[in-house]
mmCIF file of all heavy atoms, coordinates in Angstrom:
data_MODEL
# 
_entry.id   MODEL 
# 
loop_
_atom_site.group_PDB 
_atom_site.id 
_atom_site.type_symbol 
_atom_site.label_atom_id 
_atom_site.label_alt_id 
_atom_site.label_comp_id 
_atom_site.label_asym_id 
_atom_site.label_entity_id 
_atom_site.label_seq_id 
_atom_site.pdbx_PDB_ins_code 
_atom_site.Cartn_x 
_atom_site.Cartn_y 
_atom_site.Cartn_z 
_atom_site.occupancy 
_atom_site.B_iso_or_equiv 
_atom_site.pdbx_formal_charge 
_atom_site.auth_seq_id 
_atom_site.auth_comp_id 
_atom_site.auth_asym_id 
_atom_site.auth_atom_id 
_atom_site.pdbx_PDB_model_num 
ATOM 1   N N   . ILE A 1 1  ? -160.947 5.186  -56.327 1.00 0.00 ? 1  ILE A N   1 
ATOM 2   C CA  . ILE A 1 1  ? -160.740 5.695  -54.982 1.00 0.00 ? 1  ILE A CA  1 
ATOM 3   C C   . ILE A 1 1  ? -162.019 5.537  -54.242 1.00 0.00 ? 1  ILE A C   1 
ATOM 4   O O   . ILE A 1 1  ? -163.082 6.051  -54.658 1.00 0.00 ? 1  ILE A O   1 
ATOM 5   C CB  . ILE A 1 1  ? -160.268 7.142  -55.026 1.00 0.00 ? 1  ILE A CB  1 
ATOM 6   C CG1 . ILE A 1 1  ? -158.868 7.220  -55.659 1.00 0.00 ? 1  ILE A CG1 1 
ATOM 7   C CG2 . ILE A 1 1  ? -160.319 7.758  -53.649 1.00 0.00 ? 1  ILE A CG2 1 
ATOM 8   C CD1 . ILE A 1 1  ? -158.326 8.650  -55.686 1.00 0.00 ? 1  ILE A CD1 1 
ATOM 9   N N   . VAL A 1 2  ? -162.001 4.801  -53.139 1.00 0.00 ? 2  VAL A N   1 
ATOM 10  C CA  . VAL A 1 2  ? -163.202 4.530  -52.343 1.00 0.00 ? 2  VAL A CA  1 
ATOM 11  C C   . VAL A 1 2  ? -162.975 5.103  -50.966 1.00 0.00 ? 2  VAL A C   1 
ATOM 12  O O   . VAL A 1 2  ? -162.085 4.709  -50.201 1.00 0.00 ? 2  VAL A O   1 
ATOM 13  C CB  . VAL A 1 2  ? -163.459 2.978  -52.268 1.00 0.00 ? 2  VAL A CB  1 
ATOM 14  C CG1 . VAL A 1 2  ? -164.772 2.770  -51.423 1.00 0.00 ? 2  VAL A CG1 1 
ATOM 15  C CG2 . VAL A 1 2  ? -163.608 2.387  -53.645 1.00 0.00 ? 2  VAL A CG2 1 
ATOM 16  N N   . THR A 1 3  ? -163.903 5.954  -50.585 1.00 0.00 ? 3  THR A N   1 
ATOM 17  C CA  . THR A 1 3  ? -163.816 6.568  -49.215 1.00 0.00 ? 3  THR A CA  1 
ATOM 18  C C   . THR A 1 3  ? -164.814 5.852  -48.309 1.00 0.00 ? 3  THR A C   1 
ATOM 19  O O   . THR A 1 3  ? -165.737 5.147  -48.725 1.00 0.00 ? 3  THR A O   1 
ATOM 20  C CB  . THR A 1 3  ? -164.212 8.072  -49.262 1.00 0.00 ? 3  THR A CB  1 
ATOM 21  O OG1 . THR A 1 3  ? -165.548 8.212  -49.771 1.00 0.00 ? 3  THR A OG1 1 
ATOM 22  C CG2 . THR A 1 3  ? -163.243 8.831  -50.178 1.00 0.00 ? 3  THR A CG2 1 
ATOM 23  N N   . ASP A 1 4  ? -164.619 6.083  -46.999 1.00 0.00 ? 4  ASP A N   1 
ATOM 24  C CA  . ASP A 1 4  ? -165.509 5.332  -46.035 1.00 0.00 ? 4  ASP A CA  1 
ATOM 25  C C   . ASP A 1 4  ? -165.624 6.189  -44.763 1.00 0.00 ? 4  ASP A C   1 
ATOM 26  O O   . ASP A 1 4  ? -165.285 5.700  -43.656 1.00 0.00 ? 4  ASP A O   1 
ATOM 27  C CB  . ASP A 1 4  ? -164.927 3.942  -45.755 1.00 0.00 ? 4  ASP A CB  1 
ATOM 28  C CG  . ASP A 1 4  ? -165.980 3.073  -44.978 1.00 0.00 ? 4  ASP A CG  1 
ATOM 29  O OD1 . ASP A 1 4  ? -167.144 3.467  -44.809 1.00 0.00 ? 4  ASP A OD1 1 
ATOM 30  O OD2 . ASP A 1 4  ? -165.531 1.993  -44.530 1.00 0.00 ? 4  ASP A OD2 1 
ATOM 31  N N   . GLY A 1 5  ? -166.039 7.492  -44.928 1.00 0.00 ? 5  GLY A N   1 
ATOM 32  C CA  . GLY A 1 5  ? -166.109 8.320  -43.754 1.00 0.00 ? 5  GLY A CA  1 
ATOM 33  C C   . GLY A 1 5  ? -164.762 8.548  -43.083 1.00 0.00 ? 5  GLY A C   1 
ATOM 34  O O   . GLY A 1 5  ? -163.760 8.850  -43.752 1.00 0.00 ? 5  GLY A O   1 
ATOM 35  N N   . GLY A 1 6  ? -164.694 8.342  -41.774 1.00 0.00 ? 6  GLY A N   1 
ATOM 36  C CA  . GLY A 1 6  ? -163.440 8.435  -41.063 1.00 0.00 ? 6  GLY A CA  1 
ATOM 37  C C   . GLY A 1 6  ? -162.591 7.232  -41.101 1.00 0.00 ? 6  GLY A C   1 
ATOM 38  O O   . GLY A 1 6  ? -161.439 7.239  -40.595 1.00 0.00 ? 6  GLY A O   1 
ATOM 39  N N   . ARG A 1 7  ? -163.059 6.175  -41.695 1.00 0.00 ? 7  ARG A N   1 
ATOM 40  C CA  . ARG A 1 7  ? -162.284 4.957  -41.813 1.00 0.00 ? 7  ARG A CA  1 
ATOM 41  C C   . ARG A 1 7  ? -161.351 5.099  -43.059 1.00 0.00 ? 7  ARG A C   1 
ATOM 42  O O   . ARG A 1 7  ? -161.475 5.988  -43.858 1.00 0.00 ? 7  ARG A O   1 
ATOM 43  C CB  . ARG A 1 7  ? -163.202 3.746  -41.960 1.00 0.00 ? 7  ARG A CB  1 
ATOM 44  C CG  . ARG A 1 7  ? -164.136 3.575  -40.794 1.00 0.00 ? 7  ARG A CG  1 
ATOM 45  C CD  . ARG A 1 7  ? -165.226 2.477  -41.097 1.00 0.00 ? 7  ARG A CD  1 
ATOM 46  N NE  . ARG A 1 7  ? -164.573 1.158  -41.195 1.00 0.00 ? 7  ARG A NE  1 
ATOM 47  C CZ  . ARG A 1 7  ? -165.255 0.084  -41.633 1.00 0.00 ? 7  ARG A CZ  1 
ATOM 48  N NH1 . ARG A 1 7  ? -166.500 0.259  -42.123 1.00 0.00 ? 7  ARG A NH1 1 
ATOM 49  N NH2 . ARG A 1 7  ? -164.651 -1.087 -41.699 1.00 0.00 ? 7  ARG A NH2 1 
ATOM 50  N N   . PRO A 1 8  ? -160.408 4.105  -43.213 1.00 0.00 ? 8  PRO A N   1 
ATOM 51  C CA  . PRO A 1 8  ? -159.432 4.227  -44.338 1.00 0.00 ? 8  PRO A CA  1 
ATOM 52  C C   . PRO A 1 8  ? -160.072 4.374  -45.713 1.00 0.00 ? 8  PRO A C   1 
ATOM 53  O O   . PRO A 1 8  ? -161.013 3.718  -46.027 1.00 0.00 ? 8  PRO A O   1 
ATOM 54  C CB  . PRO A 1 8  ? -158.614 2.962  -44.187 1.00 0.00 ? 8  PRO A CB  1 
ATOM 55  C CG  . PRO A 1 8  ? -158.721 2.603  -42.750 1.00 0.00 ? 8  PRO A CG  1 
ATOM 56  C CD  . PRO A 1 8  ? -160.131 2.970  -42.341 1.00 0.00 ? 8  PRO A CD  1 
ATOM 57  N N   . THR A 1 9  ? -159.457 5.283  -46.454 1.00 0.00 ? 9  THR A N   1 
ATOM 58  C CA  . THR A 1 9  ? -159.753 5.447  -47.875 1.00 0.00 ? 9  THR A CA  1 
ATOM 59  C C   . THR A 1 9  ? -158.734 4.608  -48.643 1.00 0.00 ? 9  THR A C   1 
ATOM 60  O O   . THR A 1 9  ? -157.577 4.551  -48.337 1.00 0.00 ? 9  THR A O   1 
ATOM 61  C CB  . THR A 1 9  ? -159.637 6.890  -48.293 1.00 0.00 ? 9  THR A CB  1 
ATOM 62  O OG1 . THR A 1 9  ? -160.752 7.644  -47.702 1.00 0.00 ? 9  THR A OG1 1 
ATOM 63  C CG2 . THR A 1 9  ? -159.693 7.095  -49.802 1.00 0.00 ? 9  THR A CG2 1 
ATOM 64  N N   . VAL A 1 10 ? -159.196 4.005  -49.778 1.00 0.00 ? 10 VAL A N   1 
ATOM 65  C CA  . VAL A 1 10 ? -158.360 3.152  -50.570 1.00 0.00 ? 10 VAL A CA  1 
ATOM 66  C C   . VAL A 1 10 ? -158.291 3.618  -52.021 1.00 0.00 ? 10 VAL A C   1 
ATOM 67  O O   . VAL A 1 10 ? -159.316 3.944  -52.574 1.00 0.00 ? 10 VAL A O   1 
ATOM 68  C CB  . VAL A 1 10 ? -158.822 1.650  -50.485 1.00 0.00 ? 10 VAL A CB  1 
ATOM 69  C CG1 . VAL A 1 10 ? -157.976 0.778  -51.454 1.00 0.00 ? 10 VAL A CG1 1 
ATOM 70  C CG2 . VAL A 1 10 ? -158.780 1.175  -49.087 1.00 0.00 ? 10 VAL A CG2 1 
ATOM 71  N N   . PHE A 1 11 ? -157.030 3.625  -52.537 1.00 0.00 ? 11 PHE A N   1 
ATOM 72  C CA  . PHE A 1 11 ? -156.808 3.973  -53.944 1.00 0.00 ? 11 PHE A CA  1 
ATOM 73  C C   . PHE A 1 11 ? -156.270 2.678  -54.597 1.00 0.00 ? 11 PHE A C   1 
ATOM 74  O O   . PHE A 1 11 ? -155.276 2.160  -54.205 1.00 0.00 ? 11 PHE A O   1 
ATOM 75  C CB  . PHE A 1 11 ? -155.774 5.108  -54.071 1.00 0.00 ? 11 PHE A CB  1 
ATOM 76  C CG  . PHE A 1 11 ? -155.429 5.480  -55.455 1.00 0.00 ? 11 PHE A CG  1 
ATOM 77  C CD1 . PHE A 1 11 ? -156.219 5.129  -56.527 1.00 0.00 ? 11 PHE A CD1 1 
ATOM 78  C CD2 . PHE A 1 11 ? -154.347 6.248  -55.721 1.00 0.00 ? 11 PHE A CD2 1 
ATOM 79  C CE1 . PHE A 1 11 ? -155.926 5.534  -57.824 1.00 0.00 ? 11 PHE A CE1 1 
ATOM 80  C CE2 . PHE A 1 11 ? -154.037 6.725  -56.984 1.00 0.00 ? 11 PHE A CE2 1 
ATOM 81  C CZ  . PHE A 1 11 ? -154.783 6.330  -58.025 1.00 0.00 ? 11 PHE A CZ  1 
ATOM 82  N N   . ALA A 1 12 ? -157.070 2.153  -55.570 1.00 0.00 ? 12 ALA A N   1 
ATOM 83  C CA  . ALA A 1 12 ? -156.703 0.864  -56.163 1.00 0.00 ? 12 ALA A CA  1 
ATOM 84  C C   . ALA A 1 12 ? -156.520 0.934  -57.659 1.00 0.00 ? 12 ALA A C   1 
ATOM 85  O O   . ALA A 1 12 ? -157.220 1.704  -58.337 1.00 0.00 ? 12 ALA A O   1 
ATOM 86  C CB  . ALA A 1 12 ? -157.836 -0.163 -55.813 1.00 0.00 ? 12 ALA A CB  1 
ATOM 87  N N   . THR A 1 13 ? -155.575 0.195  -58.228 1.00 0.00 ? 13 THR A N   1 
ATOM 88  C CA  . THR A 1 13 ? -155.336 -0.056 -59.588 1.00 0.00 ? 13 THR A CA  1 
ATOM 89  C C   . THR A 1 13 ? -155.093 -1.526 -59.778 1.00 0.00 ? 13 THR A C   1 
ATOM 90  O O   . THR A 1 13 ? -155.024 -2.315 -58.772 1.00 0.00 ? 13 THR A O   1 
ATOM 91  C CB  . THR A 1 13 ? -154.185 0.743  -60.093 1.00 0.00 ? 13 THR A CB  1 
ATOM 92  O OG1 . THR A 1 13 ? -152.996 0.214  -59.586 1.00 0.00 ? 13 THR A OG1 1 
ATOM 93  C CG2 . THR A 1 13 ? -154.276 2.262  -59.743 1.00 0.00 ? 13 THR A CG2 1 
ATOM 94  N N   . ALA A 1 14 ? -154.865 -1.871 -61.009 1.00 0.00 ? 14 ALA A N   1 
ATOM 95  C CA  . ALA A 1 14 ? -154.579 -3.353 -61.198 1.00 0.00 ? 14 ALA A CA  1 
ATOM 96  C C   . ALA A 1 14 ? -153.236 -3.745 -60.626 1.00 0.00 ? 14 ALA A C   1 
ATOM 97  O O   . ALA A 1 14 ? -152.960 -4.889 -60.374 1.00 0.00 ? 14 ALA A O   1 
ATOM 98  C CB  . ALA A 1 14 ? -154.523 -3.583 -62.766 1.00 0.00 ? 14 ALA A CB  1 
ATOM 99  N N   . ASP A 1 15 ? -152.377 -2.722 -60.258 1.00 0.00 ? 15 ASP A N   1 
ATOM 100 C CA  . ASP A 1 15 ? -151.082 -3.021 -59.660 1.00 0.00 ? 15 ASP A CA  1 
ATOM 101 C C   . ASP A 1 15 ? -151.149 -3.093 -58.149 1.00 0.00 ? 15 ASP A C   1 
ATOM 102 O O   . ASP A 1 15 ? -150.103 -3.454 -57.536 1.00 0.00 ? 15 ASP A O   1 
ATOM 103 C CB  . ASP A 1 15 ? -150.107 -1.855 -60.021 1.00 0.00 ? 15 ASP A CB  1 
ATOM 104 C CG  . ASP A 1 15 ? -149.796 -1.802 -61.530 1.00 0.00 ? 15 ASP A CG  1 
ATOM 105 O OD1 . ASP A 1 15 ? -149.833 -2.857 -62.192 1.00 0.00 ? 15 ASP A OD1 1 
ATOM 106 O OD2 . ASP A 1 15 ? -149.648 -0.664 -62.077 1.00 0.00 ? 15 ASP A OD2 1 
ATOM 107 N N   . GLY A 1 16 ? -152.286 -2.848 -57.573 1.00 0.00 ? 16 GLY A N   1 
ATOM 108 C CA  . GLY A 1 16 ? -152.388 -2.991 -56.115 1.00 0.00 ? 16 GLY A CA  1 
ATOM 109 C C   . GLY A 1 16 ? -153.149 -1.823 -55.485 1.00 0.00 ? 16 GLY A C   1 
ATOM 110 O O   . GLY A 1 16 ? -153.676 -0.946 -56.176 1.00 0.00 ? 16 GLY A O   1 
ATOM 111 N N   . CYS A 1 17 ? -153.148 -1.804 -54.187 1.00 0.00 ? 17 CYS A N   1 
ATOM 112 C CA  . CYS A 1 17 ? -153.879 -0.788 -53.387 1.00 0.00 ? 17 CYS A CA  1 
ATOM 113 C C   . CYS A 1 17 ? -152.943 -0.058 -52.405 1.00 0.00 ? 17 CYS A C   1 
ATOM 114 O O   . CYS A 1 17 ? -151.974 -0.618 -51.953 1.00 0.00 ? 17 CYS A O   1 
ATOM 115 C CB  . CYS A 1 17 ? -155.025 -1.434 -52.638 1.00 0.00 ? 17 CYS A CB  1 
ATOM 116 S SG  . CYS A 1 17 ? -156.235 -2.303 -53.600 1.00 0.00 ? 17 CYS A SG  1 
ATOM 117 N N   . ILE A 1 18 ? -153.310 1.189  -52.176 1.00 0.00 ? 18 ILE A N   1 
ATOM 118 C CA  . ILE A 1 18 ? -152.780 1.944  -51.006 1.00 0.00 ? 18 ILE A CA  1 
ATOM 119 C C   . ILE A 1 18 ? -153.950 2.411  -50.140 1.00 0.00 ? 18 ILE A C   1 
ATOM 120 O O   . ILE A 1 18 ? -155.030 2.618  -50.656 1.00 0.00 ? 18 ILE A O   1 
ATOM 121 C CB  . ILE A 1 18 ? -151.893 3.125  -51.492 1.00 0.00 ? 18 ILE A CB  1 
ATOM 122 C CG1 . ILE A 1 18 ? -152.731 4.092  -52.277 1.00 0.00 ? 18 ILE A CG1 1 
ATOM 123 C CG2 . ILE A 1 18 ? -150.679 2.670  -52.222 1.00 0.00 ? 18 ILE A CG2 1 
ATOM 124 C CD1 . ILE A 1 18 ? -151.986 5.391  -52.574 1.00 0.00 ? 18 ILE A CD1 1 
ATOM 125 N N   . SER A 1 19 ? -153.697 2.539  -48.864 1.00 0.00 ? 19 SER A N   1 
ATOM 126 C CA  . SER A 1 19 ? -154.732 2.901  -47.965 1.00 0.00 ? 19 SER A CA  1 
ATOM 127 C C   . SER A 1 19 ? -154.244 4.010  -47.031 1.00 0.00 ? 19 SER A C   1 
ATOM 128 O O   . SER A 1 19 ? -153.125 3.942  -46.555 1.00 0.00 ? 19 SER A O   1 
ATOM 129 C CB  . SER A 1 19 ? -155.128 1.683  -47.123 1.00 0.00 ? 19 SER A CB  1 
ATOM 130 O OG  . SER A 1 19 ? -156.109 1.990  -46.163 1.00 0.00 ? 19 SER A OG  1 
ATOM 131 N N   . GLN A 1 20 ? -155.126 4.973  -46.757 1.00 0.00 ? 20 GLN A N   1 
ATOM 132 C CA  . GLN A 1 20 ? -154.760 6.097  -45.803 1.00 0.00 ? 20 GLN A CA  1 
ATOM 133 C C   . GLN A 1 20 ? -156.094 6.403  -44.995 1.00 0.00 ? 20 GLN A C   1 
ATOM 134 O O   . GLN A 1 20 ? -157.146 6.399  -45.533 1.00 0.00 ? 20 GLN A O   1 
ATOM 135 C CB  . GLN A 1 20 ? -154.310 7.294  -46.548 1.00 0.00 ? 20 GLN A CB  1 
ATOM 136 C CG  . GLN A 1 20 ? -152.953 7.138  -47.259 1.00 0.00 ? 20 GLN A CG  1 
ATOM 137 C CD  . GLN A 1 20 ? -152.456 8.464  -47.890 1.00 0.00 ? 20 GLN A CD  1 
ATOM 138 O OE1 . GLN A 1 20 ? -152.915 9.525  -47.481 1.00 0.00 ? 20 GLN A OE1 1 
ATOM 139 N NE2 . GLN A 1 20 ? -151.589 8.348  -48.800 1.00 0.00 ? 20 GLN A NE2 1 
ATOM 140 N N   . THR A 1 21 ? -155.797 6.702  -43.720 1.00 0.00 ? 21 THR A N   1 
ATOM 141 C CA  . THR A 1 21 ? -156.883 7.129  -42.872 1.00 0.00 ? 21 THR A CA  1 
ATOM 142 C C   . THR A 1 21 ? -157.042 8.644  -42.904 1.00 0.00 ? 21 THR A C   1 
ATOM 143 O O   . THR A 1 21 ? -156.041 9.363  -42.745 1.00 0.00 ? 21 THR A O   1 
ATOM 144 C CB  . THR A 1 21 ? -156.673 6.706  -41.403 1.00 0.00 ? 21 THR A CB  1 
ATOM 145 O OG1 . THR A 1 21 ? -156.563 5.290  -41.378 1.00 0.00 ? 21 THR A OG1 1 
ATOM 146 C CG2 . THR A 1 21 ? -157.791 7.139  -40.502 1.00 0.00 ? 21 THR A CG2 1 
ATOM 147 N N   . PRO A 1 22 ? -158.251 9.186  -43.191 1.00 0.00 ? 22 PRO A N   1 
ATOM 148 C CA  . PRO A 1 22 ? -158.431 10.628 -43.259 1.00 0.00 ? 22 PRO A CA  1 
ATOM 149 C C   . PRO A 1 22 ? -158.060 11.321 -41.912 1.00 0.00 ? 22 PRO A C   1 
ATOM 150 O O   . PRO A 1 22 ? -158.253 10.697 -40.831 1.00 0.00 ? 22 PRO A O   1 
ATOM 151 C CB  . PRO A 1 22 ? -159.948 10.762 -43.563 1.00 0.00 ? 22 PRO A CB  1 
ATOM 152 C CG  . PRO A 1 22 ? -160.353 9.454  -44.105 1.00 0.00 ? 22 PRO A CG  1 
ATOM 153 C CD  . PRO A 1 22 ? -159.500 8.477  -43.459 1.00 0.00 ? 22 PRO A CD  1 
ATOM 154 N N   . PRO A 1 23 ? -157.642 12.535 -41.952 1.00 0.00 ? 23 PRO A N   1 
ATOM 155 C CA  . PRO A 1 23 ? -157.379 13.287 -40.706 1.00 0.00 ? 23 PRO A CA  1 
ATOM 156 C C   . PRO A 1 23 ? -158.668 13.437 -39.911 1.00 0.00 ? 23 PRO A C   1 
ATOM 157 O O   . PRO A 1 23 ? -159.750 13.708 -40.453 1.00 0.00 ? 23 PRO A O   1 
ATOM 158 C CB  . PRO A 1 23 ? -156.924 14.687 -41.242 1.00 0.00 ? 23 PRO A CB  1 
ATOM 159 C CG  . PRO A 1 23 ? -156.505 14.512 -42.622 1.00 0.00 ? 23 PRO A CG  1 
ATOM 160 C CD  . PRO A 1 23 ? -157.331 13.347 -43.134 1.00 0.00 ? 23 PRO A CD  1 
ATOM 161 N N   . PRO A 1 24 ? -158.584 13.236 -38.610 1.00 0.00 ? 24 PRO A N   1 
ATOM 162 C CA  . PRO A 1 24 ? -159.793 13.352 -37.759 1.00 0.00 ? 24 PRO A CA  1 
ATOM 163 C C   . PRO A 1 24 ? -160.177 14.849 -37.582 1.00 0.00 ? 24 PRO A C   1 
ATOM 164 O O   . PRO A 1 24 ? -159.339 15.652 -37.240 1.00 0.00 ? 24 PRO A O   1 
ATOM 165 C CB  . PRO A 1 24 ? -159.406 12.735 -36.430 1.00 0.00 ? 24 PRO A CB  1 
ATOM 166 C CG  . PRO A 1 24 ? -157.905 12.950 -36.382 1.00 0.00 ? 24 PRO A CG  1 
ATOM 167 C CD  . PRO A 1 24 ? -157.404 12.810 -37.823 1.00 0.00 ? 24 PRO A CD  1 
ATOM 168 N N   . VAL A 1 25 ? -161.410 15.178 -37.948 1.00 0.00 ? 25 VAL A N   1 
ATOM 169 C CA  . VAL A 1 25 ? -161.906 16.523 -37.840 1.00 0.00 ? 25 VAL A CA  1 
ATOM 170 C C   . VAL A 1 25 ? -163.360 16.571 -37.325 1.00 0.00 ? 25 VAL A C   1 
ATOM 171 O O   . VAL A 1 25 ? -164.054 15.594 -37.384 1.00 0.00 ? 25 VAL A O   1 
ATOM 172 C CB  . VAL A 1 25 ? -161.816 17.267 -39.195 1.00 0.00 ? 25 VAL A CB  1 
ATOM 173 C CG1 . VAL A 1 25 ? -160.433 17.427 -39.699 1.00 0.00 ? 25 VAL A CG1 1 
ATOM 174 C CG2 . VAL A 1 25 ? -162.674 16.571 -40.218 1.00 0.00 ? 25 VAL A CG2 1 
ATOM 175 N N   . ALA A 1 26 ? -163.707 17.727 -36.731 1.00 0.00 ? 26 ALA A N   1 
ATOM 176 C CA  . ALA A 1 26 ? -165.106 17.929 -36.375 1.00 0.00 ? 26 ALA A CA  1 
ATOM 177 C C   . ALA A 1 26 ? -165.917 18.286 -37.654 1.00 0.00 ? 26 ALA A C   1 
ATOM 178 O O   . ALA A 1 26 ? -165.515 19.125 -38.383 1.00 0.00 ? 26 ALA A O   1 
ATOM 179 C CB  . ALA A 1 26 ? -165.182 19.025 -35.340 1.00 0.00 ? 26 ALA A CB  1 
# 
């Protein structure tokens, strides 16, 4: 699982990746 601040976070396995953007917060 690789995060990138407010940019999309990616969860990867050998079967592929899913990506989600974190909720915007102060």
